[in-house]
Amino acid sequence: MDNFWFLCKMFKSGKQGKTDQWVVIRFLHQQGITPVHIWEQLQHVHGPTALCKQSVRAWVRRFDDDPDCSCLDCPRSGGPRST
């Protein structure tokens, strides 16, 4: 768990975003930490800006289904959405 706190301190030093949390989820999942424990740690560090428990579980499933999955958004076809 020492690595987790290092990651949290690193990401807490700057503006936090969902991508940062996805990286932490991927790392902790590879360490064998369960989705519920990952979510609890994210709640402890990020508070109200943490991903919800269902999102953490969904990302863990995504990483299980595709080990090469990137935490970054993939480029999409088409133009930007307009209102």
Protein backbone atom coordinates (compact mmCIF):
# COMPACT_ATOMS: atom_id res chain seq x y z
CA MET A 1 0.00 0.00 0.00
CA ASP A 2 2.99 2.33 0.23
CA ASN A 3 2.86 2.72 -3.55
CA PHE A 4 -0.78 3.81 -3.30
CA TRP A 5 0.06 6.71 -0.99
CA PHE A 6 2.89 7.76 -3.28
CA LEU A 7 0.47 7.86 -6.22
CA CYS A 8 -2.12 9.75 -4.20
CA LYS A 9 0.36 12.38 -3.09
CA MET A 10 1.60 12.75 -6.65
CA PHE A 11 -1.90 13.29 -8.04
CA LYS A 12 -3.07 15.40 -5.10
CA SER A 13 -0.35 17.94 -5.77
CA GLY A 14 -2.01 19.11 -8.98
CA LYS A 15 -5.48 19.48 -10.40
CA GLN A 16 -7.29 16.19 -9.97
CA GLY A 17 -9.19 14.61 -12.79
CA LYS A 18 -10.88 11.37 -13.65
CA THR A 19 -7.89 10.25 -15.72
CA ASP A 20 -5.72 10.45 -12.61
CA GLN A 21 -8.17 8.22 -10.76
CA TRP A 22 -8.27 5.73 -13.64
CA VAL A 23 -4.49 5.40 -13.46
CA VAL A 24 -4.71 4.71 -9.71
CA ILE A 25 -7.53 2.19 -10.29
CA ARG A 26 -5.46 0.36 -12.89
CA PHE A 27 -2.38 0.30 -10.67
CA LEU A 28 -4.20 -0.93 -7.57
CA HIS A 29 -6.13 -3.54 -9.55
CA GLN A 30 -2.84 -4.89 -10.89
CA GLN A 31 -1.69 -5.10 -7.25
CA GLY A 32 -4.68 -7.35 -6.47
CA ILE A 33 -6.73 -4.78 -4.56
CA THR A 34 -10.51 -5.31 -4.80
CA PRO A 35 -12.73 -2.66 -6.44
CA VAL A 36 -14.43 -1.87 -3.12
CA HIS A 37 -11.10 -1.23 -1.40
CA ILE A 38 -9.93 0.85 -4.35
CA TRP A 39 -13.10 2.96 -4.10
CA GLU A 40 -12.63 3.42 -0.34
CA GLN A 41 -9.09 4.69 -0.89
CA LEU A 42 -10.23 7.07 -3.65
CA GLN A 43 -12.94 8.39 -1.30
CA HIS A 44 -10.33 8.95 1.41
CA VAL A 45 -8.02 10.91 -0.89
CA HIS A 46 -10.35 12.65 -3.36
CA GLY A 47 -13.45 13.09 -1.20
CA PRO A 48 -16.52 14.26 -3.13
CA THR A 49 -14.63 14.35 -6.44
CA ALA A 50 -13.89 10.61 -6.31
CA LEU A 51 -15.48 8.30 -8.85
CA CYS A 52 -18.51 6.40 -7.61
CA LYS A 53 -18.28 2.72 -6.64
CA GLN A 54 -20.04 1.61 -9.84
CA SER A 55 -17.54 3.51 -11.99
CA VAL A 56 -14.61 1.91 -10.19
CA ARG A 57 -16.11 -1.53 -10.79
CA ALA A 58 -16.74 -0.69 -14.45
CA TRP A 59 -13.12 0.42 -14.94
CA VAL A 60 -11.82 -2.75 -13.26
CA ARG A 61 -13.98 -4.82 -15.65
CA ARG A 62 -12.70 -2.76 -18.58
CA PHE A 63 -9.09 -3.38 -17.56
CA ASP A 64 -9.84 -7.11 -17.13
CA ASP A 65 -11.49 -7.34 -20.56
CA ASP A 66 -8.73 -5.42 -22.35
CA PRO A 67 -5.35 -5.46 -20.57
CA ASP A 68 -3.97 -3.02 -23.16
CA CYS A 69 -6.78 -0.53 -22.48
CA SER A 70 -5.57 3.03 -22.21
CA CYS A 71 -6.67 5.38 -19.46
CA LEU A 72 -6.77 8.20 -21.97
CA ASP A 73 -9.73 9.11 -24.13
CA CYS A 74 -9.49 7.67 -27.62
CA PRO A 75 -10.00 9.96 -30.59
CA ARG A 76 -13.54 9.76 -31.91
CA SER A 77 -14.84 10.18 -35.41
CA GLY A 78 -17.12 13.06 -36.29
CA GLY A 79 -17.18 16.65 -35.26
CA PRO A 80 -17.78 18.19 -31.88
CA ARG A 81 -21.27 18.14 -30.42
CA SER A 82 -23.24 21.30 -31.00
CA THR A 83 -26.15 22.66 -29.05
